[in-house]
């Protein structure tokens, strides 16, 4: 489709690697329009004055919803050093309470990975994370139950900012919790990624919320909420390697339309002869 000369627009949701291949094919064929919603490595910033219980609930749901298989997941959590231990304890209890199994069952809230390839990729990243930082929860050898490719929640702490587990999208139930000292420090860390899809921040200071939101390099920002919280009357999409263009009720249509200017020469009108 990327190379087809009669296709003039493509809207694609998937990996950044595949999006890049489609864009190259478009450039080498007919310069078709491309709209991408690609990968993410979403940061969540939890300040000292935040409601920690709400922050733990929101971030837990964001990363472990759909077993971590969502581009918007806040897979990097930065919590102020003064409240880090309390937050981690709350977050850890929520992660431990997740019920694994068949996601079609009403009492299950943590299902399997999509396929064996993704399952093995997640396990690979868990081993990578073990080499570079501390395991707070999970990470033990995974045992298949009833043939389901389920990965238990994994929490890493104190990972180097340049480690692979901090830079690359895992697309699984794996989260890193690091600490920060200052607002400037955490903004720099949050923006130090090639992704920019959905960021969130938690604070009771309205001035800080507005100030930090403006500085985060992300197409979407949640204040005292995390993904998948959104609104379809607002543009949906990311910066940098997270995509191009925007989707929503209105913006989606524009990518499949063309603007045209038509000029009329009207003799005898407006000084024309």
Protein backbone atom coordinates (compact mmCIF):
# COMPACT_ATOMS: atom_id res chain seq x y z
CA UNK A 1 0.00 0.00 0.00
CA UNK A 2 2.84 2.37 0.78
CA UNK A 3 4.15 2.03 -2.77
CA UNK A 4 0.82 1.81 -4.62
CA UNK A 5 0.48 4.67 -7.11
CA UNK A 6 -3.32 4.86 -6.88
CA UNK A 7 -3.42 5.15 -3.10
CA UNK A 8 -3.12 8.80 -2.09
CA UNK A 9 -3.38 8.63 1.73
CA UNK A 10 -2.65 6.13 4.47
CA UNK A 11 -3.61 6.27 8.13
CA UNK A 12 -1.54 3.75 10.08
CA UNK A 13 -1.40 2.77 13.74
CA UNK A 14 1.48 0.57 14.80
CA UNK A 15 5.20 0.52 15.45
CA UNK A 16 7.56 3.37 14.66
CA UNK A 17 9.68 0.98 12.61
CA UNK A 18 6.76 0.09 10.34
CA UNK A 19 5.68 3.73 10.09
CA UNK A 20 9.16 4.69 8.92
CA UNK A 21 9.03 1.99 6.21
CA UNK A 22 5.64 3.26 5.00
CA UNK A 23 6.91 6.84 4.87
CA UNK A 24 9.95 5.80 2.83
CA UNK A 25 7.72 3.88 0.42
CA UNK A 26 5.45 6.93 0.11
CA UNK A 27 8.37 9.22 -0.66
CA UNK A 28 9.70 6.84 -3.29
CA UNK A 29 6.32 6.42 -5.01
CA UNK A 30 3.68 9.16 -5.24
CA UNK A 31 4.29 11.24 -2.07
CA UNK A 32 0.98 10.08 -0.61
CA UNK A 33 -0.21 11.63 2.63
CA UNK A 34 0.65 9.61 5.71
CA UNK A 35 -0.93 9.86 9.15
CA UNK A 36 0.84 7.88 11.84
CA UNK A 37 -0.03 6.98 15.39
CA UNK A 38 3.09 5.06 16.41
CA UNK A 39 5.02 4.02 19.50
CA UNK A 40 5.40 5.63 22.86
CA UNK A 41 7.44 5.67 26.04
CA UNK A 42 5.09 7.79 28.09
CA UNK A 43 6.41 9.62 31.15
CA UNK A 44 4.31 10.29 34.23
CA UNK A 45 5.55 12.99 36.61
CA UNK A 46 4.41 12.74 40.23
CA UNK A 47 5.17 15.81 42.30
CA UNK A 48 5.50 16.04 46.07
CA UNK A 49 2.07 17.62 46.53
CA UNK A 50 0.18 15.09 44.42
CA UNK A 51 -2.64 12.87 45.64
CA UNK A 52 -0.49 9.73 45.75
CA UNK A 53 -3.37 7.28 45.96
CA UNK A 54 -4.99 8.70 42.84
CA UNK A 55 -1.62 8.86 41.09
CA UNK A 56 -0.93 5.21 41.90
CA UNK A 57 -4.36 4.11 40.65
CA UNK A 58 -4.06 6.13 37.44
CA UNK A 59 -0.54 5.06 36.56
CA UNK A 60 -1.20 1.43 37.46
CA UNK A 61 -4.15 1.32 35.10
CA UNK A 62 -2.22 3.11 32.35
CA UNK A 63 0.69 0.67 32.19
CA UNK A 64 -1.07 -2.58 33.04
CA UNK A 65 -4.30 -1.96 31.10
CA UNK A 66 -4.41 -4.37 28.16
CA UNK A 67 -1.33 -6.08 29.65
CA UNK A 68 0.79 -3.09 28.72
CA UNK A 69 0.00 -3.43 25.03
CA UNK A 70 -0.87 0.17 24.35
CA UNK A 71 1.27 2.91 22.83
CA UNK A 72 -0.01 5.46 25.38
CA UNK A 73 1.06 3.54 28.47
CA UNK A 74 3.05 5.50 31.05
CA UNK A 75 5.98 3.09 31.12
CA UNK A 76 8.30 5.67 32.74
CA UNK A 77 7.18 7.03 36.11
CA UNK A 78 9.13 9.83 37.77
CA UNK A 79 8.23 10.47 41.40
CA UNK A 80 9.64 13.17 43.68
CA UNK A 81 12.26 11.67 46.00
CA UNK A 82 10.45 12.89 49.13
CA UNK A 83 7.36 10.76 48.42
CA UNK A 84 8.91 7.96 46.39
CA UNK A 85 8.72 5.20 48.99
CA UNK A 86 5.09 5.89 49.82
CA UNK A 87 4.12 6.00 46.15
CA UNK A 88 6.01 2.80 45.30
CA UNK A 89 4.31 0.97 48.16
CA UNK A 90 0.87 2.02 46.90
CA UNK A 91 1.71 1.22 43.28
CA UNK A 92 3.21 -2.13 44.19
CA UNK A 93 0.12 -3.26 46.08
CA UNK A 94 -2.09 -2.43 43.10
CA UNK A 95 0.19 -4.32 40.72
CA UNK A 96 0.28 -7.36 43.01
CA UNK A 97 -3.52 -7.43 43.20
CA UNK A 98 -4.00 -7.90 39.47
CA UNK A 99 -5.86 -11.08 38.50
CA UNK A 100 -4.23 -12.98 35.63
CA UNK A 101 -6.06 -15.17 33.17
CA UNK A 102 -8.65 -15.09 30.41
CA UNK A 103 -9.50 -11.41 29.81
CA UNK A 104 -13.05 -12.33 28.78
CA UNK A 105 -13.72 -13.44 32.37
CA UNK A 106 -15.34 -10.77 34.51
CA UNK A 107 -12.95 -11.19 37.44
CA UNK A 108 -9.77 -11.01 35.32
CA UNK A 109 -8.02 -7.68 34.68
CA UNK A 110 -4.69 -8.86 33.27
CA UNK A 111 -4.63 -10.94 30.11
CA UNK A 112 -1.90 -12.41 27.87
CA UNK A 113 0.41 -10.84 25.32
CA UNK A 114 -0.91 -10.76 21.76
CA UNK A 115 1.26 -13.57 20.42
CA UNK A 116 4.39 -15.59 21.10
CA UNK A 117 6.65 -13.09 19.35
CA UNK A 118 5.51 -10.25 21.58
CA UNK A 119 5.62 -12.48 24.65
CA UNK A 120 9.26 -13.35 23.96
CA UNK A 121 10.11 -9.71 23.24
CA UNK A 122 8.73 -8.65 26.64
CA UNK A 123 10.73 -11.38 28.40
CA UNK A 124 13.84 -10.18 26.58
CA UNK A 125 13.35 -6.64 27.85
CA UNK A 126 12.82 -7.90 31.39
CA UNK A 127 16.23 -9.55 31.27
CA UNK A 128 17.74 -6.35 29.87
CA UNK A 129 16.21 -4.37 32.73
CA UNK A 130 17.62 -6.79 35.30
CA UNK A 131 21.11 -6.04 34.05
CA UNK A 132 20.81 -2.28 34.39
CA UNK A 133 18.62 -1.64 37.44
CA UNK A 134 16.76 -2.92 40.48
CA UNK A 135 13.72 -5.20 40.29
CA UNK A 136 11.02 -4.04 42.71
CA UNK A 137 8.35 -6.56 41.67
CA UNK A 138 8.19 -9.52 39.31
CA UNK A 139 10.89 -10.53 36.89
CA UNK A 140 10.97 -14.15 38.06
CA UNK A 141 11.00 -16.90 35.42
CA UNK A 142 7.66 -16.80 33.66
CA UNK A 143 5.59 -20.00 33.75
CA UNK A 144 2.99 -20.55 31.06
CA UNK A 145 -0.41 -21.41 32.47
CA UNK A 146 -3.02 -23.11 30.29
CA UNK A 147 -0.97 -22.11 27.26
CA UNK A 148 -1.63 -18.40 27.85
CA UNK A 149 1.25 -16.02 27.12
CA UNK A 150 0.73 -14.02 30.29
CA UNK A 151 3.47 -11.87 31.80
CA UNK A 152 3.10 -10.80 35.41
CA UNK A 153 3.53 -7.07 36.16
CA UNK A 154 7.17 -6.03 36.46
CA UNK A 155 8.37 -2.92 38.30
CA UNK A 156 11.95 -1.70 37.89
CA UNK A 157 13.56 1.07 39.92
CA UNK A 158 16.64 3.25 39.61
CA UNK A 159 17.29 2.58 35.95
CA UNK A 160 19.94 4.71 34.17
CA UNK A 161 18.27 7.26 31.91
CA UNK A 162 20.29 6.02 28.93
CA UNK A 163 19.43 2.33 29.44
CA UNK A 164 17.48 0.42 26.81
CA UNK A 165 14.60 -0.22 29.21
CA UNK A 166 14.19 3.57 29.48
CA UNK A 167 14.57 4.35 25.78
CA UNK A 168 12.81 1.54 23.90
CA UNK A 169 9.13 0.64 23.84
CA UNK A 170 8.52 -2.70 25.55
CA UNK A 171 4.79 -2.93 24.78
CA UNK A 172 4.15 -5.08 27.80
CA UNK A 173 3.40 -4.88 31.55
CA UNK A 174 6.80 -3.45 32.44
CA UNK A 175 7.27 -0.10 34.18
CA UNK A 176 10.26 1.84 35.50
CA UNK A 177 9.96 4.10 38.55
CA UNK A 178 12.77 6.63 38.95
CA UNK A 179 13.03 9.62 41.27
CA UNK A 180 13.70 13.32 40.72
CA UNK A 181 14.65 16.36 42.78
CA UNK A 182 13.49 19.44 40.86
CA UNK A 183 10.91 20.45 38.29
CA UNK A 184 13.62 21.30 35.74
CA UNK A 185 15.29 17.95 36.35
CA UNK A 186 12.17 15.87 35.72
CA UNK A 187 11.11 17.84 32.62
CA UNK A 188 14.53 17.20 31.08
CA UNK A 189 14.28 13.50 31.87
CA UNK A 190 10.72 13.20 30.57
CA UNK A 191 11.64 14.86 27.26
CA UNK A 192 14.81 12.82 26.75
CA UNK A 193 13.16 10.27 24.48
CA UNK A 194 12.45 9.84 20.79
CA UNK A 195 8.78 9.40 21.59
CA UNK A 196 6.17 11.99 22.51
CA UNK A 197 2.66 10.56 22.52
CA UNK A 198 1.05 10.86 25.96
CA UNK A 199 2.59 12.33 29.11
CA UNK A 200 0.92 12.88 32.46
CA UNK A 201 1.62 14.87 35.58
CA UNK A 202 0.18 14.82 39.06
CA UNK A 203 0.08 17.92 41.26
CA UNK A 204 -2.31 20.13 43.23
CA UNK A 205 -0.52 23.28 42.07
CA UNK A 206 -2.41 24.74 39.09
CA UNK A 207 0.48 27.04 38.15
CA UNK A 208 2.88 24.12 38.04
CA UNK A 209 0.40 22.04 36.05
CA UNK A 210 0.16 24.68 33.33
CA UNK A 211 3.88 25.44 33.34
CA UNK A 212 5.01 21.81 33.10
CA UNK A 213 2.33 20.83 30.58
CA UNK A 214 3.63 23.47 28.17
CA UNK A 215 7.19 22.20 28.47
CA UNK A 216 6.51 18.50 27.97
CA UNK A 217 7.30 17.34 24.44
CA UNK A 218 4.13 15.34 23.95
CA UNK A 219 1.11 15.49 21.70
CA UNK A 220 -1.18 14.82 24.65
CA UNK A 221 -0.79 15.62 28.35
CA UNK A 222 -3.00 14.44 31.18
CA UNK A 223 -3.11 16.52 34.38
CA UNK A 224 -4.05 14.38 37.41
CA UNK A 225 -5.07 11.67 34.98
CA UNK A 226 -3.22 9.22 32.76
CA UNK A 227 -3.80 7.36 29.53
CA UNK A 228 -6.12 6.17 28.16
CA UNK A 229 -8.04 9.21 29.45
CA UNK A 230 -8.81 11.44 26.47
CA UNK A 231 -11.44 13.31 24.50
CA UNK A 232 -12.23 12.68 20.86
CA UNK A 233 -13.15 16.29 20.20
CA UNK A 234 -9.47 17.14 20.75
CA UNK A 235 -6.59 16.17 18.41
CA UNK A 236 -5.11 12.75 19.09
CA UNK A 237 -1.50 12.06 18.12
CA UNK A 238 2.15 12.42 19.00
CA UNK A 239 5.37 14.32 18.50
CA UNK A 240 8.74 13.04 17.32
CA UNK A 241 8.86 9.28 16.73
CA UNK A 242 5.30 8.85 17.99
CA UNK A 243 3.72 9.94 14.76
CA UNK A 244 2.67 12.56 12.26
CA UNK A 245 -0.67 14.28 11.82
CA UNK A 246 -3.62 14.11 14.18
CA UNK A 247 -6.75 12.05 14.53
CA UNK A 248 -10.10 12.89 16.15
CA UNK A 249 -13.67 13.60 15.13
CA UNK A 250 -12.61 16.53 12.91
CA UNK A 251 -8.85 16.34 12.32
CA UNK A 252 -9.11 12.83 10.83
CA UNK A 253 -11.12 14.10 7.89
CA UNK A 254 -8.61 16.76 6.86
CA UNK A 255 -5.96 14.18 5.96
CA UNK A 256 -8.22 12.68 3.31
CA UNK A 257 -9.18 15.99 1.72
CA UNK A 258 -7.28 18.44 -0.48
CA UNK A 259 -7.41 22.22 -0.49
CA UNK A 260 -8.03 23.91 -3.81
CA UNK A 261 -7.92 27.57 -4.83
CA UNK A 262 -9.96 28.61 -7.89
CA UNK A 263 -9.32 31.99 -9.57
CA UNK A 264 -11.83 33.70 -11.88
CA UNK A 265 -10.97 36.44 -14.28
CA UNK A 266 -14.16 38.44 -14.69
CA UNK A 267 -14.01 41.02 -17.58
CA UNK A 268 -15.32 44.44 -16.63
CA UNK A 269 -15.30 43.79 -12.90
CA UNK A 270 -12.77 45.16 -10.46
CA UNK A 271 -10.91 47.18 -13.12
CA UNK A 272 -10.34 44.22 -15.42
CA UNK A 273 -11.09 44.69 -19.08
